[in-house]
């Protein structure tokens, strides 16, 4: 019959000292969100975000109503692209 291999003994404990991080940041340099303290966004970021979202919704509604032009998939994609641009801009807001 075969024997099981002997278990290795490994010393326990932390690899890095408590309160430090491997990437060099200390708790004092990291904000409550876990990121570096960054300046707030300029005022044009939320204006661009809401503008793209609102304009995208308006383009889609006008496309479905058909009051300004015939309904067209290209116009629908333009409106969806504007909404997506507003969502991407929202991720950059601090």
PDB file of N, CA and C in Angstrom:
ATOM      1  N   UNK A   1       0.823  -1.170   0.000  1.00  0.00           N
ATOM      2  CA  UNK A   1       0.000   0.000   0.000  1.00  0.00           C
ATOM      3  C   UNK A   1       0.883   1.255   0.000  1.00  0.00           C
ATOM      4  N   UNK A   2       0.342   2.324  -0.587  1.00  0.00           N
ATOM      5  CA  UNK A   2       1.115   3.564  -0.657  1.00  0.00           C
ATOM      6  C   UNK A   2       0.839   4.434   0.563  1.00  0.00           C
ATOM      7  N   UNK A   3       1.854   5.185   0.927  1.00  0.00           N
ATOM      8  CA  UNK A   3       1.728   6.089   2.059  1.00  0.00           C
ATOM      9  C   UNK A   3       1.385   7.483   1.569  1.00  0.00           C
ATOM     10  N   UNK A   4       0.660   8.216   2.395  1.00  0.00           N
ATOM     11  CA  UNK A   4       0.373   9.613   2.082  1.00  0.00           C
ATOM     12  C   UNK A   4       1.651  10.432   2.272  1.00  0.00           C
ATOM     13  N   UNK A   5       1.848  11.458   1.439  1.00  0.00           N
ATOM     14  CA  UNK A   5       3.036  12.293   1.640  1.00  0.00           C
ATOM     15  C   UNK A   5       2.914  13.076   2.947  1.00  0.00           C
ATOM     16  N   UNK A   6       4.038  13.355   3.546  1.00  0.00           N
ATOM     17  CA  UNK A   6       4.059  14.100   4.801  1.00  0.00           C
ATOM     18  C   UNK A   6       3.631  15.535   4.546  1.00  0.00           C
ATOM     19  N   UNK A   7       2.883  16.066   5.487  1.00  0.00           N
ATOM     20  CA  UNK A   7       2.440  17.457   5.364  1.00  0.00           C
ATOM     21  C   UNK A   7       3.585  18.394   5.699  1.00  0.00           C
ATOM     22  N   UNK A   8       3.669  19.481   4.913  1.00  0.00           N
ATOM     23  CA  UNK A   8       4.685  20.486   5.182  1.00  0.00           C
ATOM     24  C   UNK A   8       4.151  21.462   6.196  1.00  0.00           C
ATOM     25  N   UNK A   9       5.000  21.909   7.068  1.00  0.00           N
ATOM     26  CA  UNK A   9       4.611  22.923   8.031  1.00  0.00           C
ATOM     27  C   UNK A   9       4.991  24.288   7.461  1.00  0.00           C
ATOM     28  N   UNK A  10       4.017  25.171   7.418  1.00  0.00           N
ATOM     29  CA  UNK A  10       4.232  26.515   6.905  1.00  0.00           C
ATOM     30  C   UNK A  10       3.964  27.484   8.031  1.00  0.00           C
ATOM     31  N   UNK A  11       4.879  28.417   8.205  1.00  0.00           N
ATOM     32  CA  UNK A  11       4.659  29.397   9.267  1.00  0.00           C
ATOM     33  C   UNK A  11       3.565  30.355   8.835  1.00  0.00           C
ATOM     34  N   UNK A  12       2.643  30.650   9.725  1.00  0.00           N
ATOM     35  CA  UNK A  12       1.533  31.539   9.421  1.00  0.00           C
ATOM     36  C   UNK A  12       1.927  32.989   9.591  1.00  0.00           C
ATOM     37  N   UNK A  13       0.991  33.844   9.343  1.00  0.00           N
ATOM     38  CA  UNK A  13       1.235  35.266   9.539  1.00  0.00           C
ATOM     39  C   UNK A  13       1.033  36.061   8.268  1.00  0.00           C
ATOM     40  N   UNK A  14       1.170  37.360   8.423  1.00  0.00           N
ATOM     41  CA  UNK A  14       0.954  38.270   7.308  1.00  0.00           C
ATOM     42  C   UNK A  14       2.199  38.368   6.446  1.00  0.00           C
ATOM     43  N   UNK A  15       1.967  38.574   5.149  1.00  0.00           N
ATOM     44  CA  UNK A  15       3.082  38.800   4.233  1.00  0.00           C
ATOM     45  C   UNK A  15       3.560  40.238   4.332  1.00  0.00           C
ATOM     46  N   UNK A  16       2.614  41.156   4.411  1.00  0.00           N
ATOM     47  CA  UNK A  16       2.954  42.574   4.544  1.00  0.00           C
ATOM     48  C   UNK A  16       2.552  43.043   5.925  1.00  0.00           C
ATOM     49  N   UNK A  17       3.212  44.061   6.438  1.00  0.00           N
ATOM     50  CA  UNK A  17       2.827  44.576   7.757  1.00  0.00           C
ATOM     51  C   UNK A  17       1.398  45.110   7.740  1.00  0.00           C
ATOM     52  N   UNK A  18       0.721  44.992   8.875  1.00  0.00           N
ATOM     53  CA  UNK A  18      -0.659  45.438   8.969  1.00  0.00           C
ATOM     54  C   UNK A  18      -0.743  46.941   8.746  1.00  0.00           C
ATOM     55  N   UNK A  19      -1.747  47.358   7.955  1.00  0.00           N
ATOM     56  CA  UNK A  19      -1.949  48.774   7.690  1.00  0.00           C
ATOM     57  C   UNK A  19      -1.267  49.263   6.427  1.00  0.00           C
ATOM     58  N   UNK A  20      -0.592  48.396   5.703  1.00  0.00           N
ATOM     59  CA  UNK A  20       0.035  48.793   4.451  1.00  0.00           C
ATOM     60  C   UNK A  20      -0.575  48.009   3.305  1.00  0.00           C
ATOM     61  N   UNK A  21      -0.307  48.493   2.087  1.00  0.00           N
ATOM     62  CA  UNK A  21      -0.785  47.802   0.900  1.00  0.00           C
ATOM     63  C   UNK A  21       0.400  47.518   0.000  1.00  0.00           C
ATOM     64  N   UNK A  22       0.329  46.439  -0.776  1.00  0.00           N
ATOM     65  CA  UNK A  22       1.467  46.106  -1.636  1.00  0.00           C
ATOM     66  C   UNK A  22       1.806  47.177  -2.666  1.00  0.00           C
ATOM     67  N   UNK A  23       0.813  47.991  -3.086  1.00  0.00           N
ATOM     68  CA  UNK A  23       1.099  49.004  -4.105  1.00  0.00           C
ATOM     69  C   UNK A  23       1.674  50.288  -3.524  1.00  0.00           C
ATOM     70  N   UNK A  24       1.921  50.336  -2.232  1.00  0.00           N
ATOM     71  CA  UNK A  24       2.603  51.480  -1.642  1.00  0.00           C
ATOM     72  C   UNK A  24       1.689  52.503  -1.006  1.00  0.00           C
ATOM     73  N   UNK A  25       0.378  52.421  -1.213  1.00  0.00           N
ATOM     74  CA  UNK A  25      -0.537  53.370  -0.599  1.00  0.00           C
ATOM     75  C   UNK A  25      -0.721  53.020   0.863  1.00  0.00           C
ATOM     76  N   UNK A  26      -0.862  54.025   1.664  1.00  0.00           N
ATOM     77  CA  UNK A  26      -1.180  53.822   3.070  1.00  0.00           C
ATOM     78  C   UNK A  26      -2.608  54.300   3.293  1.00  0.00           C
ATOM     79  N   UNK A  27      -3.242  53.895   4.363  1.00  0.00           N
ATOM     80  CA  UNK A  27      -4.629  54.335   4.589  1.00  0.00           C
ATOM     81  C   UNK A  27      -4.795  55.848   4.640  1.00  0.00           C
ATOM     82  N   UNK A  28      -3.746  56.574   4.967  1.00  0.00           N
ATOM     83  CA  UNK A  28      -3.853  58.027   5.024  1.00  0.00           C
ATOM     84  C   UNK A  28      -3.964  58.648   3.637  1.00  0.00           C
ATOM     85  N   UNK A  29      -3.403  57.988   2.599  1.00  0.00           N
ATOM     86  CA  UNK A  29      -3.433  58.563   1.261  1.00  0.00           C
ATOM     87  C   UNK A  29      -4.606  58.071   0.429  1.00  0.00           C
ATOM     88  N   UNK A  30      -5.438  57.212   0.988  1.00  0.00           N
ATOM     89  CA  UNK A  30      -6.558  56.653   0.252  1.00  0.00           C
ATOM     90  C   UNK A  30      -7.843  57.187   0.871  1.00  0.00           C
ATOM     91  N   UNK A  31      -8.778  57.639   0.020  1.00  0.00           N
ATOM     92  CA  UNK A  31     -10.035  58.156   0.526  1.00  0.00           C
ATOM     93  C   UNK A  31     -10.952  57.009   0.914  1.00  0.00           C
ATOM     94  N   UNK A  32     -12.143  57.337   1.387  1.00  0.00           N
ATOM     95  CA  UNK A  32     -13.098  56.312   1.818  1.00  0.00           C
ATOM     96  C   UNK A  32     -13.596  55.463   0.658  1.00  0.00           C
ATOM     97  N   UNK A  33     -13.422  55.919  -0.580  1.00  0.00           N
ATOM     98  CA  UNK A  33     -13.869  55.133  -1.730  1.00  0.00           C
ATOM     99  C   UNK A  33     -12.810  54.142  -2.191  1.00  0.00           C
ATOM    100  N   UNK A  34     -11.609  54.228  -1.649  1.00  0.00           N
ATOM    101  CA  UNK A  34     -10.552  53.322  -2.051  1.00  0.00           C
ATOM    102  C   UNK A  34      -9.706  53.855  -3.178  1.00  0.00           C
ATOM    103  N   UNK A  35      -9.948  55.070  -3.617  1.00  0.00           N
ATOM    104  CA  UNK A  35      -9.180  55.666  -4.701  1.00  0.00           C
ATOM    105  C   UNK A  35      -8.418  56.868  -4.169  1.00  0.00           C
ATOM    106  N   UNK A  36      -7.479  57.312  -4.968  1.00  0.00           N
ATOM    107  CA  UNK A  36      -6.762  58.525  -4.602  1.00  0.00           C
ATOM    108  C   UNK A  36      -7.741  59.688  -4.542  1.00  0.00           C
ATOM    109  N   UNK A  37      -7.417  60.684  -3.748  1.00  0.00           N
ATOM    110  CA  UNK A  37      -8.267  61.871  -3.699  1.00  0.00           C
ATOM    111  C   UNK A  37      -8.091  62.635  -5.000  1.00  0.00           C
ATOM    112  N   UNK A  38      -9.162  62.733  -5.764  1.00  0.00           N
ATOM    113  CA  UNK A  38      -9.147  63.421  -7.049  1.00  0.00           C
ATOM    114  C   UNK A  38      -9.989  64.677  -6.941  1.00  0.00           C
ATOM    115  N   UNK A  39      -9.663  65.701  -7.713  1.00  0.00           N
ATOM    116  CA  UNK A  39     -10.471  66.920  -7.659  1.00  0.00           C
ATOM    117  C   UNK A  39     -11.866  66.658  -8.227  1.00  0.00           C
ATOM    118  N   UNK A  40     -12.841  67.456  -7.826  1.00  0.00           N
ATOM    119  CA  UNK A  40     -14.188  67.263  -8.366  1.00  0.00           C
ATOM    120  C   UNK A  40     -14.241  67.557  -9.859  1.00  0.00           C
ATOM    121  N   UNK A  41     -15.242  67.022 -10.498  1.00  0.00           N
ATOM    122  CA  UNK A  41     -15.397  67.208 -11.940  1.00  0.00           C
ATOM    123  C   UNK A  41     -15.719  68.657 -12.261  1.00  0.00           C
ATOM    124  N   UNK A  42     -15.299  69.121 -13.445  1.00  0.00           N
ATOM    125  CA  UNK A  42     -15.685  70.473 -13.856  1.00  0.00           C
ATOM    126  C   UNK A  42     -17.190  70.535 -14.111  1.00  0.00           C
ATOM    127  N   UNK A  43     -17.756  71.722 -14.089  1.00  0.00           N
ATOM    128  CA  UNK A  43     -19.213  71.853 -14.227  1.00  0.00           C
ATOM    129  C   UNK A  43     -19.753  71.377 -15.573  1.00  0.00           C
ATOM    130  N   UNK A  44     -18.922  71.295 -16.592  1.00  0.00           N
ATOM    131  CA  UNK A  44     -19.443  70.890 -17.898  1.00  0.00           C
ATOM    132  C   UNK A  44     -19.714  69.386 -17.975  1.00  0.00           C
ATOM    133  N   UNK A  45     -19.165  68.605 -17.049  1.00  0.00           N
ATOM    134  CA  UNK A  45     -19.378  67.150 -17.113  1.00  0.00           C
ATOM    135  C   UNK A  45     -20.838  66.786 -16.857  1.00  0.00           C
ATOM    136  N   UNK A  46     -21.472  67.257 -15.767  1.00  0.00           N
ATOM    137  CA  UNK A  46     -22.889  66.920 -15.608  1.00  0.00           C
ATOM    138  C   UNK A  46     -23.781  67.581 -16.665  1.00  0.00           C
ATOM    139  N   UNK A  47     -23.378  68.777 -17.135  1.00  0.00           N
ATOM    140  CA  UNK A  47     -24.171  69.423 -18.185  1.00  0.00           C
ATOM    141  C   UNK A  47     -24.133  68.602 -19.468  1.00  0.00           C
ATOM    142  N   UNK A  48     -22.954  68.096 -19.829  1.00  0.00           N
ATOM    143  CA  UNK A  48     -22.827  67.249 -21.010  1.00  0.00           C
ATOM    144  C   UNK A  48     -23.602  65.941 -20.825  1.00  0.00           C
ATOM    145  N   UNK A  49     -23.528  65.372 -19.629  1.00  0.00           N
ATOM    146  CA  UNK A  49     -24.215  64.117 -19.348  1.00  0.00           C
ATOM    147  C   UNK A  49     -25.727  64.275 -19.524  1.00  0.00           C
ATOM    148  N   UNK A  50     -26.299  65.270 -18.857  1.00  0.00           N
ATOM    149  CA  UNK A  50     -27.748  65.465 -18.962  1.00  0.00           C
ATOM    150  C   UNK A  50     -28.154  65.912 -20.359  1.00  0.00           C
ATOM    151  N   UNK A  51     -27.293  66.695 -21.007  1.00  0.00           N
ATOM    152  CA  UNK A  51     -27.590  67.120 -22.372  1.00  0.00           C
ATOM    153  C   UNK A  51     -27.651  65.943 -23.339  1.00  0.00           C
ATOM    154  N   UNK A  52     -26.673  65.047 -23.255  1.00  0.00           N
ATOM    155  CA  UNK A  52     -26.672  63.876 -24.132  1.00  0.00           C
ATOM    156  C   UNK A  52     -27.856  62.953 -23.837  1.00  0.00           C
ATOM    157  N   UNK A  53     -28.148  62.739 -22.554  1.00  0.00           N
ATOM    158  CA  UNK A  53     -29.285  61.884 -22.206  1.00  0.00           C
ATOM    159  C   UNK A  53     -30.596  62.479 -22.712  1.00  0.00           C
ATOM    160  N   UNK A  54     -30.794  63.776 -22.462  1.00  0.00           N
ATOM    161  CA  UNK A  54     -32.037  64.420 -22.890  1.00  0.00           C
ATOM    162  C   UNK A  54     -32.171  64.497 -24.398  1.00  0.00           C
ATOM    163  N   UNK A  55     -31.096  64.847 -25.076  1.00  0.00           N
ATOM    164  CA  UNK A  55     -31.136  64.941 -26.535  1.00  0.00           C
ATOM    165  C   UNK A  55     -31.360  63.560 -27.159  1.00  0.00           C
ATOM    166  N   UNK A  56     -30.749  62.527 -26.581  1.00  0.00           N
ATOM    167  CA  UNK A  56     -30.952  61.171 -27.091  1.00  0.00           C
ATOM    168  C   UNK A  56     -32.397  60.721 -26.955  1.00  0.00           C
ATOM    169  N   UNK A  57     -32.999  61.020 -25.814  1.00  0.00           N
ATOM    170  CA  UNK A  57     -34.412  60.665 -25.608  1.00  0.00           C
ATOM    171  C   UNK A  57     -35.291  61.446 -26.572  1.00  0.00           C
ATOM    172  N   UNK A  58     -34.984  62.737 -26.754  1.00  0.00           N
ATOM    173  CA  UNK A  58     -35.781  63.554 -27.675  1.00  0.00           C
ATOM    174  C   UNK A  58     -35.677  63.043 -29.107  1.00  0.00           C
ATOM    175  N   UNK A  59     -34.475  62.656 -29.543  1.00  0.00           N
ATOM    176  CA  UNK A  59     -34.301  62.137 -30.900  1.00  0.00           C
ATOM    177  C   UNK A  59     -35.093  60.847 -31.087  1.00  0.00           C
ATOM    178  N   UNK A  60     -35.069  59.961 -30.094  1.00  0.00           N
ATOM    179  CA  UNK A  60     -35.823  58.701 -30.199  1.00  0.00           C
ATOM    180  C   UNK A  60     -37.324  58.968 -30.240  1.00  0.00           C
ATOM    181  N   UNK A  61     -37.801  59.876 -29.396  1.00  0.00           N
ATOM    182  CA  UNK A  61     -39.233  60.196 -29.401  1.00  0.00           C
ATOM    183  C   UNK A  61     -39.655  60.822 -30.729  1.00  0.00           C
ATOM    184  N   UNK A  62     -38.854  61.740 -31.255  1.00  0.00           N
ATOM    185  CA  UNK A  62     -39.181  62.351 -32.546  1.00  0.00           C
ATOM    186  C   UNK A  62     -39.131  61.325 -33.673  1.00  0.00           C
ATOM    187  N   UNK A  63     -38.255  60.339 -33.545  1.00  0.00           N
ATOM    188  CA  UNK A  63     -38.180  59.291 -34.552  1.00  0.00           C
ATOM    189  C   UNK A  63     -39.467  58.458 -34.550  1.00  0.00           C
ATOM    190  N   UNK A  64     -39.961  58.120 -33.374  1.00  0.00           N
ATOM    191  CA  UNK A  64     -41.165  57.302 -33.309  1.00  0.00           C
ATOM    192  C   UNK A  64     -42.412  58.069 -33.712  1.00  0.00           C
ATOM    193  N   UNK A  65     -42.464  59.345 -33.381  1.00  0.00           N
ATOM    194  CA  UNK A  65     -43.622  60.155 -33.763  1.00  0.00           C
ATOM    195  C   UNK A  65     -43.610  60.401 -35.261  1.00  0.00           C
ATOM    196  N   UNK A  66     -42.449  60.569 -35.821  1.00  0.00           N
ATOM    197  CA  UNK A  66     -42.310  60.776 -37.258  1.00  0.00           C
ATOM    198  C   UNK A  66     -42.702  62.167 -37.699  1.00  0.00           C
ATOM    199  N   UNK A  67     -42.638  63.142 -36.808  1.00  0.00           N
ATOM    200  CA  UNK A  67     -43.069  64.497 -37.151  1.00  0.00           C
ATOM    201  C   UNK A  67     -42.013  65.261 -37.961  1.00  0.00           C
ATOM    202  N   UNK A  68     -40.740  65.024 -37.719  1.00  0.00           N
ATOM    203  CA  UNK A  68     -39.700  65.795 -38.404  1.00  0.00           C
ATOM    204  C   UNK A  68     -39.135  65.044 -39.609  1.00  0.00           C
ATOM    205  N   UNK A  69     -39.106  63.729 -39.573  1.00  0.00           N
ATOM    206  CA  UNK A  69     -38.578  62.912 -40.651  1.00  0.00           C
ATOM    207  C   UNK A  69     -39.261  61.556 -40.592  1.00  0.00           C
ATOM    208  N   UNK A  70     -39.085  60.783 -41.624  1.00  0.00           N
ATOM    209  CA  UNK A  70     -39.642  59.431 -41.612  1.00  0.00           C
ATOM    210  C   UNK A  70     -38.882  58.585 -40.588  1.00  0.00           C
ATOM    211  N   UNK A  71     -39.601  57.627 -40.000  1.00  0.00           N
ATOM    212  CA  UNK A  71     -38.929  56.759 -39.031  1.00  0.00           C
ATOM    213  C   UNK A  71     -37.798  56.013 -39.730  1.00  0.00           C
ATOM    214  N   UNK A  72     -36.659  55.960 -39.044  1.00  0.00           N
ATOM    215  CA  UNK A  72     -35.449  55.438 -39.660  1.00  0.00           C
ATOM    216  C   UNK A  72     -34.607  54.783 -38.566  1.00  0.00           C
ATOM    217  N   UNK A  73     -34.025  53.626 -38.876  1.00  0.00           N
ATOM    218  CA  UNK A  73     -33.177  52.956 -37.889  1.00  0.00           C
ATOM    219  C   UNK A  73     -31.904  53.745 -37.610  1.00  0.00           C
ATOM    220  N   UNK A  74     -31.398  54.481 -38.586  1.00  0.00           N
ATOM    221  CA  UNK A  74     -30.196  55.281 -38.370  1.00  0.00           C
ATOM    222  C   UNK A  74     -30.427  56.369 -37.328  1.00  0.00           C
ATOM    223  N   UNK A  75     -31.585  56.997 -37.382  1.00  0.00           N
ATOM    224  CA  UNK A  75     -31.926  58.032 -36.395  1.00  0.00           C
ATOM    225  C   UNK A  75     -32.071  57.396 -35.017  1.00  0.00           C
ATOM    226  N   UNK A  76     -32.661  56.208 -34.963  1.00  0.00           N
ATOM    227  CA  UNK A  76     -32.804  55.496 -33.691  1.00  0.00           C
ATOM    228  C   UNK A  76     -31.432  55.171 -33.100  1.00  0.00           C
ATOM    229  N   UNK A  77     -30.524  54.714 -33.923  1.00  0.00           N
ATOM    230  CA  UNK A  77     -29.175  54.419 -33.443  1.00  0.00           C
ATOM    231  C   UNK A  77     -28.443  55.681 -32.992  1.00  0.00           C
ATOM    232  N   UNK A  78     -28.694  56.800 -33.670  1.00  0.00           N
ATOM    233  CA  UNK A  78     -28.106  58.060 -33.241  1.00  0.00           C
ATOM    234  C   UNK A  78     -28.583  58.422 -31.830  1.00  0.00           C
ATOM    235  N   UNK A  79     -29.883  58.286 -31.592  1.00  0.00           N
ATOM    236  CA  UNK A  79     -30.426  58.577 -30.267  1.00  0.00           C
ATOM    237  C   UNK A  79     -29.880  57.636 -29.209  1.00  0.00           C
ATOM    238  N   UNK A  80     -29.766  56.348 -29.537  1.00  0.00           N
ATOM    239  CA  UNK A  80     -29.208  55.397 -28.585  1.00  0.00           C
ATOM    240  C   UNK A  80     -27.726  55.683 -28.325  1.00  0.00           C
ATOM    241  N   UNK A  81     -27.015  56.112 -29.353  1.00  0.00           N
ATOM    242  CA  UNK A  81     -25.608  56.487 -29.176  1.00  0.00           C
ATOM    243  C   UNK A  81     -25.458  57.690 -28.264  1.00  0.00           C
ATOM    244  N   UNK A  82     -26.368  58.653 -28.386  1.00  0.00           N
ATOM    245  CA  UNK A  82     -26.316  59.820 -27.499  1.00  0.00           C
ATOM    246  C   UNK A  82     -26.588  59.406 -26.050  1.00  0.00           C
ATOM    247  N   UNK A  83     -27.558  58.514 -25.854  1.00  0.00           N
ATOM    248  CA  UNK A  83     -27.848  58.038 -24.501  1.00  0.00           C
ATOM    249  C   UNK A  83     -26.642  57.289 -23.944  1.00  0.00           C
ATOM    250  N   UNK A  84     -26.015  56.459 -24.770  1.00  0.00           N
ATOM    251  CA  UNK A  84     -24.821  55.748 -24.322  1.00  0.00           C
ATOM    252  C   UNK A  84     -23.693  56.724 -23.985  1.00  0.00           C
ATOM    253  N   UNK A  85     -23.559  57.772 -24.777  1.00  0.00           N
ATOM    254  CA  UNK A  85     -22.563  58.797 -24.467  1.00  0.00           C
ATOM    255  C   UNK A  85     -22.837  59.473 -23.133  1.00  0.00           C
ATOM    256  N   UNK A  86     -24.120  59.702 -22.825  1.00  0.00           N
ATOM    257  CA  UNK A  86     -24.478  60.273 -21.527  1.00  0.00           C
ATOM    258  C   UNK A  86     -24.150  59.333 -20.379  1.00  0.00           C
ATOM    259  N   UNK A  87     -24.357  58.036 -20.592  1.00  0.00           N
ATOM    260  CA  UNK A  87     -24.043  57.063 -19.542  1.00  0.00           C
ATOM    261  C   UNK A  87     -22.540  56.973 -19.329  1.00  0.00           C
ATOM    262  N   UNK A  88     -21.777  56.980 -20.411  1.00  0.00           N
ATOM    263  CA  UNK A  88     -20.311  56.940 -20.287  1.00  0.00           C
ATOM    264  C   UNK A  88     -19.808  58.200 -19.592  1.00  0.00           C
ATOM    265  N   UNK A  89     -20.405  59.338 -19.902  1.00  0.00           N
ATOM    266  CA  UNK A  89     -20.015  60.589 -19.231  1.00  0.00           C
ATOM    267  C   UNK A  89     -20.357  60.524 -17.744  1.00  0.00           C
ATOM    268  N   UNK A  90     -21.460  59.860 -17.397  1.00  0.00           N
ATOM    269  CA  UNK A  90     -21.857  59.749 -15.983  1.00  0.00           C
ATOM    270  C   UNK A  90     -20.835  58.952 -15.189  1.00  0.00           C
ATOM    271  N   UNK A  91     -20.137  58.024 -15.834  1.00  0.00           N
ATOM    272  CA  UNK A  91     -19.128  57.252 -15.088  1.00  0.00           C
ATOM    273  C   UNK A  91     -17.901  58.084 -14.754  1.00  0.00           C
ATOM    274  N   UNK A  92     -17.712  59.220 -15.428  1.00  0.00           N
ATOM    275  CA  UNK A  92     -16.556  60.069 -15.182  1.00  0.00           C
ATOM    276  C   UNK A  92     -16.839  61.160 -14.155  1.00  0.00           C
ATOM    277  N   UNK A  93     -18.074  61.265 -13.699  1.00  0.00           N
ATOM    278  CA  UNK A  93     -18.463  62.322 -12.759  1.00  0.00           C
ATOM    279  C   UNK A  93     -17.955  61.982 -11.359  1.00  0.00           C
ATOM    280  N   UNK A  94     -17.310  62.929 -10.709  1.00  0.00           N
ATOM    281  CA  UNK A  94     -16.825  62.742  -9.337  1.00  0.00           C
ATOM    282  C   UNK A  94     -17.494  63.743  -8.432  1.00  0.00           C
TER     283      UNK A  94
END
